[in-house]
Amino acid sequence: MMQGRDWHEKAKCLNADPDMFYPMPNDWKTIVEAKLICASCPVSAECLEQALDGGEQYGIWGGLDPEERRTLLRRKRQRMRME
């Protein structure tokens, strides 16, 4: 993983319309388009990590929407309790 914020320069979404990554909840077409960009992005892990660390509540980050990120965090917390 890249340190700091240098990863932004390598993001596939760098020149994309930022609104694409903040779609309305039922705008499935835009959601899928945003996630496709993330799927081929070399820094999607760094993007997701920033969203999780920063508590991002909106938007597509690292290929995950807000509900998917909440689920990921819940599972992570459950695993930590079991260890």
Protein backbone atom coordinates (compact mmCIF):
# COMPACT_ATOMS: atom_id res chain seq x y z
CA MET A 1 0.00 0.00 0.00
CA MET A 2 1.11 3.53 -0.68
CA GLN A 3 1.83 5.78 2.25
CA GLY A 4 0.23 9.17 2.78
CA ARG A 5 -2.02 10.59 0.11
CA ASP A 6 0.23 9.88 -2.87
CA TRP A 7 -2.15 7.15 -3.93
CA HIS A 8 -4.67 9.74 -5.15
CA GLU A 9 -2.49 10.46 -8.16
CA LYS A 10 -2.83 6.85 -9.35
CA ALA A 11 -6.60 6.58 -8.86
CA LYS A 12 -8.71 5.61 -11.89
CA CYS A 13 -11.34 8.14 -10.80
CA LEU A 14 -8.91 11.04 -10.87
CA ASN A 15 -10.43 12.53 -14.02
CA ALA A 16 -13.96 11.15 -13.58
CA ASP A 17 -16.95 13.22 -12.59
CA PRO A 18 -16.96 13.18 -8.75
CA ASP A 19 -20.78 13.09 -8.75
CA MET A 20 -20.58 9.57 -10.18
CA PHE A 21 -19.20 8.40 -6.84
CA TYR A 22 -22.06 10.01 -4.87
CA PRO A 23 -25.11 8.60 -6.67
CA MET A 24 -28.66 8.60 -5.40
CA PRO A 25 -29.40 5.35 -3.51
CA ASN A 26 -31.49 3.80 -6.30
CA ASP A 27 -29.40 5.03 -9.24
CA TRP A 28 -28.15 1.52 -10.02
CA LYS A 29 -26.66 2.46 -13.36
CA THR A 30 -24.37 5.08 -11.84
CA ILE A 31 -23.54 2.84 -8.88
CA VAL A 32 -22.46 0.04 -11.22
CA GLU A 33 -20.42 2.45 -13.37
CA ALA A 34 -18.60 3.80 -10.30
CA LYS A 35 -17.91 0.32 -8.97
CA LEU A 36 -16.54 -0.77 -12.35
CA ILE A 37 -14.04 2.07 -12.25
CA CYS A 38 -13.05 1.03 -8.72
CA ALA A 39 -12.73 -2.62 -9.74
CA SER A 40 -9.91 -1.82 -12.15
CA CYS A 41 -8.24 0.79 -9.94
CA PRO A 42 -4.73 0.02 -8.68
CA VAL A 43 -5.32 1.95 -5.45
CA SER A 44 -8.81 0.84 -4.48
CA ALA A 45 -7.49 -0.71 -1.24
CA GLU A 46 -6.00 2.63 -0.19
CA CYS A 47 -9.22 4.41 -1.08
CA LEU A 48 -11.30 1.96 0.94
CA GLU A 49 -8.90 2.23 3.89
CA GLN A 50 -9.24 6.03 3.88
CA ALA A 51 -13.03 5.77 3.82
CA LEU A 52 -13.06 3.30 6.71
CA ASP A 53 -10.54 5.25 8.77
CA GLY A 54 -12.33 8.53 8.08
CA GLY A 55 -15.83 7.20 8.75
CA GLU A 56 -17.11 8.17 5.30
CA GLN A 57 -20.88 7.80 5.37
CA TYR A 58 -21.59 8.61 1.74
CA GLY A 59 -20.36 7.67 -1.68
CA ILE A 60 -18.57 4.83 -3.38
CA TRP A 61 -15.07 4.37 -1.91
CA GLY A 62 -12.75 1.55 -2.86
CA GLY A 63 -15.61 -0.10 -4.71
CA LEU A 64 -17.96 -0.27 -1.73
CA ASP A 65 -21.10 1.70 -1.04
CA PRO A 66 -21.97 2.94 2.48
CA GLU A 67 -23.95 -0.17 3.45
CA GLU A 68 -21.19 -2.47 2.23
CA ARG A 69 -18.65 -0.52 4.27
CA ARG A 70 -20.83 -0.72 7.39
CA THR A 71 -21.15 -4.49 6.89
CA LEU A 72 -17.38 -4.81 6.46
CA LEU A 73 -16.75 -2.87 9.67
CA ARG A 74 -19.32 -4.95 11.60
CA ARG A 75 -17.68 -8.18 10.47
CA LYS A 76 -14.24 -6.84 11.33
CA ARG A 77 -15.42 -5.90 14.84
CA GLN A 78 -17.02 -9.33 15.29
CA ARG A 79 -13.77 -11.07 14.31
CA MET A 80 -11.80 -8.89 16.71
CA ARG A 81 -14.15 -9.81 19.58
CA MET A 82 -13.73 -13.51 18.81
CA GLU A 83 -9.92 -13.35 18.94
